[in-house]
């Protein structure tokens, strides 16, 4: 399984554990924060990581089907994770989310079980490596913005003198 898949499932597992623990102790803000953070990681990082698999029909055929399945697992669990906070909003996308072949789901997200952790998804090492990758990328982006801003200022100064 590719690195990004392992990372996303591990982060999902951690969000499920945090949300369940927080809801059990009536700490709704902590549960909300865990769910929000996970959705942000799914949208900001994971979907960007799997985009290349969906560009062309002929390349990445096996990777595309694996990416689709992991994305389905994430969306299905993520919608159930979000459901107590946004019940009417999550029902519609959950109903429209197509199931992979051989997967049985209940008729409504309201009668579906709340997600539970899957121990084989937990991978602290992958999460730490991804944290490092994200911090390097963030550092490079901020460096690029500083350098580009500096170059623009120098160009304007030169232009003004001409």
C-alpha atoms as a PDB file:
ATOM      1  CA  UNK A   1       0.000   0.000   0.000  1.00  0.00           C
ATOM      2  CA  UNK A   2       1.442   3.415  -0.952  1.00  0.00           C
ATOM      3  CA  UNK A   3       2.687   5.808   1.712  1.00  0.00           C
ATOM      4  CA  UNK A   4      -0.133   8.340   1.278  1.00  0.00           C
ATOM      5  CA  UNK A   5      -2.795   5.634   1.734  1.00  0.00           C
ATOM      6  CA  UNK A   6      -1.178   4.366   4.931  1.00  0.00           C
ATOM      7  CA  UNK A   7      -0.919   7.915   6.211  1.00  0.00           C
ATOM      8  CA  UNK A   8      -4.536   8.827   5.439  1.00  0.00           C
ATOM      9  CA  UNK A   9      -5.929   5.679   7.044  1.00  0.00           C
ATOM     10  CA  UNK A  10      -3.749   6.184  10.119  1.00  0.00           C
ATOM     11  CA  UNK A  11      -4.873   9.801  10.480  1.00  0.00           C
ATOM     12  CA  UNK A  12      -8.498   8.708   9.985  1.00  0.00           C
ATOM     13  CA  UNK A  13      -8.060   6.082  12.688  1.00  0.00           C
ATOM     14  CA  UNK A  14      -6.631   8.674  15.070  1.00  0.00           C
ATOM     15  CA  UNK A  15      -9.526  11.064  14.331  1.00  0.00           C
ATOM     16  CA  UNK A  16     -12.052   8.294  14.981  1.00  0.00           C
ATOM     17  CA  UNK A  17     -10.380   7.426  18.292  1.00  0.00           C
ATOM     18  CA  UNK A  18     -10.259  11.086  19.369  1.00  0.00           C
ATOM     19  CA  UNK A  19     -13.862  11.771  18.340  1.00  0.00           C
ATOM     20  CA  UNK A  20     -15.199   8.665  20.105  1.00  0.00           C
ATOM     21  CA  UNK A  21     -13.231   9.397  23.288  1.00  0.00           C
ATOM     22  CA  UNK A  22     -14.306  13.046  23.269  1.00  0.00           C
ATOM     23  CA  UNK A  23     -17.966  12.255  22.657  1.00  0.00           C
ATOM     24  CA  UNK A  24     -17.918   9.667  25.458  1.00  0.00           C
ATOM     25  CA  UNK A  25     -16.697  12.351  27.878  1.00  0.00           C
ATOM     26  CA  UNK A  26     -19.043  15.044  26.460  1.00  0.00           C
ATOM     27  CA  UNK A  27     -16.146  17.140  25.168  1.00  0.00           C
ATOM     28  CA  UNK A  28     -17.895  18.172  21.982  1.00  0.00           C
ATOM     29  CA  UNK A  29     -15.410  20.864  21.007  1.00  0.00           C
ATOM     30  CA  UNK A  30     -12.533  18.343  21.066  1.00  0.00           C
ATOM     31  CA  UNK A  31     -14.542  15.896  18.967  1.00  0.00           C
ATOM     32  CA  UNK A  32     -15.423  18.640  16.502  1.00  0.00           C
ATOM     33  CA  UNK A  33     -11.798  19.758  16.292  1.00  0.00           C
ATOM     34  CA  UNK A  34     -10.624  16.186  15.566  1.00  0.00           C
ATOM     35  CA  UNK A  35     -13.206  15.706  12.814  1.00  0.00           C
ATOM     36  CA  UNK A  36     -12.524  19.125  11.269  1.00  0.00           C
ATOM     37  CA  UNK A  37      -8.769  18.550  11.311  1.00  0.00           C
ATOM     38  CA  UNK A  38      -9.163  15.171   9.618  1.00  0.00           C
ATOM     39  CA  UNK A  39     -11.417  16.573   6.871  1.00  0.00           C
ATOM     40  CA  UNK A  40      -8.889  19.344   6.284  1.00  0.00           C
ATOM     41  CA  UNK A  41      -6.079  16.789   5.865  1.00  0.00           C
ATOM     42  CA  UNK A  42      -8.215  14.703   3.520  1.00  0.00           C
ATOM     43  CA  UNK A  43      -9.043  17.668   1.296  1.00  0.00           C
ATOM     44  CA  UNK A  44      -5.738  19.540   1.461  1.00  0.00           C
ATOM     45  CA  UNK A  45      -3.247  16.701   1.269  1.00  0.00           C
ATOM     46  CA  UNK A  46      -4.694  13.312   0.376  1.00  0.00           C
ATOM     47  CA  UNK A  47      -6.822  14.382  -2.574  1.00  0.00           C
ATOM     48  CA  UNK A  48      -3.857  16.347  -3.958  1.00  0.00           C
ATOM     49  CA  UNK A  49      -1.679  13.256  -3.573  1.00  0.00           C
ATOM     50  CA  UNK A  50      -4.034  10.992  -5.529  1.00  0.00           C
ATOM     51  CA  UNK A  51      -4.967  13.464  -8.307  1.00  0.00           C
ATOM     52  CA  UNK A  52      -2.325  12.146 -10.744  1.00  0.00           C
ATOM     53  CA  UNK A  53      -4.012   8.728 -10.737  1.00  0.00           C
ATOM     54  CA  UNK A  54      -7.172  10.224 -12.249  1.00  0.00           C
ATOM     55  CA  UNK A  55      -5.675  12.398 -15.002  1.00  0.00           C
ATOM     56  CA  UNK A  56      -5.474   9.760 -17.722  1.00  0.00           C
ATOM     57  CA  UNK A  57      -7.685   6.723 -18.318  1.00  0.00           C
ATOM     58  CA  UNK A  58      -4.865   4.522 -19.614  1.00  0.00           C
ATOM     59  CA  UNK A  59      -2.129   5.079 -17.031  1.00  0.00           C
ATOM     60  CA  UNK A  60      -2.189   4.195 -13.329  1.00  0.00           C
ATOM     61  CA  UNK A  61      -5.052   1.706 -13.758  1.00  0.00           C
ATOM     62  CA  UNK A  62      -4.291  -0.407 -10.674  1.00  0.00           C
ATOM     63  CA  UNK A  63      -3.277   2.631  -8.618  1.00  0.00           C
ATOM     64  CA  UNK A  64      -6.513   4.371  -9.581  1.00  0.00           C
ATOM     65  CA  UNK A  65      -8.703   1.548  -8.307  1.00  0.00           C
ATOM     66  CA  UNK A  66      -6.742   1.370  -5.038  1.00  0.00           C
ATOM     67  CA  UNK A  67      -6.977   5.157  -4.661  1.00  0.00           C
ATOM     68  CA  UNK A  68     -10.721   5.034  -5.333  1.00  0.00           C
ATOM     69  CA  UNK A  69     -11.213   2.390  -2.672  1.00  0.00           C
ATOM     70  CA  UNK A  70      -9.150   4.239  -0.030  1.00  0.00           C
ATOM     71  CA  UNK A  71     -10.972   7.469  -0.891  1.00  0.00           C
ATOM     72  CA  UNK A  72     -14.312   5.650  -0.563  1.00  0.00           C
ATOM     73  CA  UNK A  73     -13.298   4.266   2.858  1.00  0.00           C
ATOM     74  CA  UNK A  74     -12.278   7.758   3.937  1.00  0.00           C
ATOM     75  CA  UNK A  75     -15.430   9.461   2.663  1.00  0.00           C
ATOM     76  CA  UNK A  76     -17.758   6.808   4.054  1.00  0.00           C
ATOM     77  CA  UNK A  77     -16.126   6.846   7.499  1.00  0.00           C
ATOM     78  CA  UNK A  78     -15.690  10.614   7.395  1.00  0.00           C
ATOM     79  CA  UNK A  79     -19.369  11.235   6.701  1.00  0.00           C
ATOM     80  CA  UNK A  80     -20.377   8.897   9.530  1.00  0.00           C
ATOM     81  CA  UNK A  81     -17.830  10.652  11.767  1.00  0.00           C
ATOM     82  CA  UNK A  82     -19.317  14.043  10.896  1.00  0.00           C
ATOM     83  CA  UNK A  83     -22.956  12.929  11.105  1.00  0.00           C
ATOM     84  CA  UNK A  84     -23.666  13.774  14.788  1.00  0.00           C
ATOM     85  CA  UNK A  85     -22.556  17.349  14.151  1.00  0.00           C
ATOM     86  CA  UNK A  86     -24.254  17.876  10.771  1.00  0.00           C
ATOM     87  CA  UNK A  87     -26.954  15.198  10.409  1.00  0.00           C
ATOM     88  CA  UNK A  88     -28.980  16.616   7.539  1.00  0.00           C
ATOM     89  CA  UNK A  89     -25.951  17.713   5.552  1.00  0.00           C
ATOM     90  CA  UNK A  90     -24.200  14.331   5.776  1.00  0.00           C
ATOM     91  CA  UNK A  91     -27.224  12.232   4.810  1.00  0.00           C
ATOM     92  CA  UNK A  92     -27.401  13.429   1.206  1.00  0.00           C
ATOM     93  CA  UNK A  93     -23.731  12.859   0.242  1.00  0.00           C
ATOM     94  CA  UNK A  94     -23.743   9.523   2.079  1.00  0.00           C
ATOM     95  CA  UNK A  95     -26.786   8.407   0.062  1.00  0.00           C
ATOM     96  CA  UNK A  96     -25.094   9.448  -3.185  1.00  0.00           C
ATOM     97  CA  UNK A  97     -21.729   7.862  -2.353  1.00  0.00           C
ATOM     98  CA  UNK A  98     -21.510   4.756  -4.547  1.00  0.00           C
ATOM     99  CA  UNK A  99     -20.489   1.579  -2.741  1.00  0.00           C
ATOM    100  CA  UNK A 100     -17.739  -0.666  -4.080  1.00  0.00           C
ATOM    101  CA  UNK A 101     -18.826  -4.057  -5.338  1.00  0.00           C
ATOM    102  CA  UNK A 102     -19.664  -6.458  -2.537  1.00  0.00           C
ATOM    103  CA  UNK A 103     -20.009  -3.808   0.174  1.00  0.00           C
ATOM    104  CA  UNK A 104     -23.369  -3.723   1.946  1.00  0.00           C
ATOM    105  CA  UNK A 105     -24.503  -0.528   3.654  1.00  0.00           C
ATOM    106  CA  UNK A 106     -27.574   0.377   5.652  1.00  0.00           C
ATOM    107  CA  UNK A 107     -30.328   2.435   4.041  1.00  0.00           C
ATOM    108  CA  UNK A 108     -29.506   5.593   5.980  1.00  0.00           C
ATOM    109  CA  UNK A 109     -26.479   7.084   7.683  1.00  0.00           C
ATOM    110  CA  UNK A 110     -28.739   7.669  10.710  1.00  0.00           C
ATOM    111  CA  UNK A 111     -28.999   3.941  11.405  1.00  0.00           C
ATOM    112  CA  UNK A 112     -25.388   3.177  10.500  1.00  0.00           C
ATOM    113  CA  UNK A 113     -22.877   2.496  13.237  1.00  0.00           C
ATOM    114  CA  UNK A 114     -20.551   5.273  14.281  1.00  0.00           C
ATOM    115  CA  UNK A 115     -17.043   4.550  12.967  1.00  0.00           C
ATOM    116  CA  UNK A 116     -14.753   2.522  15.168  1.00  0.00           C
ATOM    117  CA  UNK A 117     -10.985   2.274  15.056  1.00  0.00           C
ATOM    118  CA  UNK A 118      -9.228  -0.349  12.969  1.00  0.00           C
ATOM    119  CA  UNK A 119      -5.965  -1.203  14.689  1.00  0.00           C
ATOM    120  CA  UNK A 120      -4.123  -2.278  11.524  1.00  0.00           C
ATOM    121  CA  UNK A 121      -4.580   1.257  10.143  1.00  0.00           C
ATOM    122  CA  UNK A 122      -2.540   2.843  12.949  1.00  0.00           C
ATOM    123  CA  UNK A 123       0.981   3.698  11.801  1.00  0.00           C
ATOM    124  CA  UNK A 124       2.800   6.259  13.939  1.00  0.00           C
ATOM    125  CA  UNK A 125       5.983   6.074  11.864  1.00  0.00           C
ATOM    126  CA  UNK A 126       4.164   7.004   8.658  1.00  0.00           C
ATOM    127  CA  UNK A 127       2.426   9.879  10.452  1.00  0.00           C
ATOM    128  CA  UNK A 128       5.753  11.216  11.734  1.00  0.00           C
ATOM    129  CA  UNK A 129       7.294  10.956   8.263  1.00  0.00           C
ATOM    130  CA  UNK A 130       4.324  12.774   6.748  1.00  0.00           C
ATOM    131  CA  UNK A 131       4.583  15.496   9.398  1.00  0.00           C
ATOM    132  CA  UNK A 132       8.199  15.974   8.306  1.00  0.00           C
ATOM    133  CA  UNK A 133       7.202  16.098   4.630  1.00  0.00           C
ATOM    134  CA  UNK A 134       4.458  18.632   5.378  1.00  0.00           C
ATOM    135  CA  UNK A 135       6.785  20.861   7.402  1.00  0.00           C
ATOM    136  CA  UNK A 136       9.408  20.792   4.612  1.00  0.00           C
ATOM    137  CA  UNK A 137       6.782  21.665   1.994  1.00  0.00           C
ATOM    138  CA  UNK A 138       5.410  24.455   4.185  1.00  0.00           C
ATOM    139  CA  UNK A 139       8.935  25.817   4.701  1.00  0.00           C
ATOM    140  CA  UNK A 140       9.654  25.735   0.970  1.00  0.00           C
ATOM    141  CA  UNK A 141       6.376  27.487   0.181  1.00  0.00           C
ATOM    142  CA  UNK A 142       7.047  30.247   2.687  1.00  0.00           C
ATOM    143  CA  UNK A 143      10.617  30.615   1.398  1.00  0.00           C
ATOM    144  CA  UNK A 144       9.314  30.828  -2.157  1.00  0.00           C
ATOM    145  CA  UNK A 145       6.828  33.528  -1.219  1.00  0.00           C
ATOM    146  CA  UNK A 146       9.579  35.578   0.461  1.00  0.00           C
ATOM    147  CA  UNK A 147      11.949  35.189  -2.495  1.00  0.00           C
ATOM    148  CA  UNK A 148       9.262  36.000  -5.065  1.00  0.00           C
ATOM    149  CA  UNK A 149       8.171  39.051  -3.082  1.00  0.00           C
ATOM    150  CA  UNK A 150      11.774  40.247  -2.891  1.00  0.00           C
ATOM    151  CA  UNK A 151      12.224  39.746  -6.654  1.00  0.00           C
ATOM    152  CA  UNK A 152       9.031  41.657  -7.414  1.00  0.00           C
ATOM    153  CA  UNK A 153      10.173  44.580  -5.268  1.00  0.00           C
ATOM    154  CA  UNK A 154      13.556  44.677  -7.034  1.00  0.00           C
ATOM    155  CA  UNK A 155      11.872  44.567 -10.443  1.00  0.00           C
ATOM    156  CA  UNK A 156       9.613  47.475  -9.512  1.00  0.00           C
ATOM    157  CA  UNK A 157      12.595  49.500  -8.277  1.00  0.00           C
ATOM    158  CA  UNK A 158      14.463  48.891 -11.538  1.00  0.00           C
ATOM    159  CA  UNK A 159      11.376  49.719 -13.569  1.00  0.00           C
ATOM    160  CA  UNK A 160      10.856  52.961 -11.654  1.00  0.00           C
ATOM    161  CA  UNK A 161      14.424  54.121 -12.367  1.00  0.00           C
ATOM    162  CA  UNK A 162      14.231  53.583 -16.126  1.00  0.00           C
END
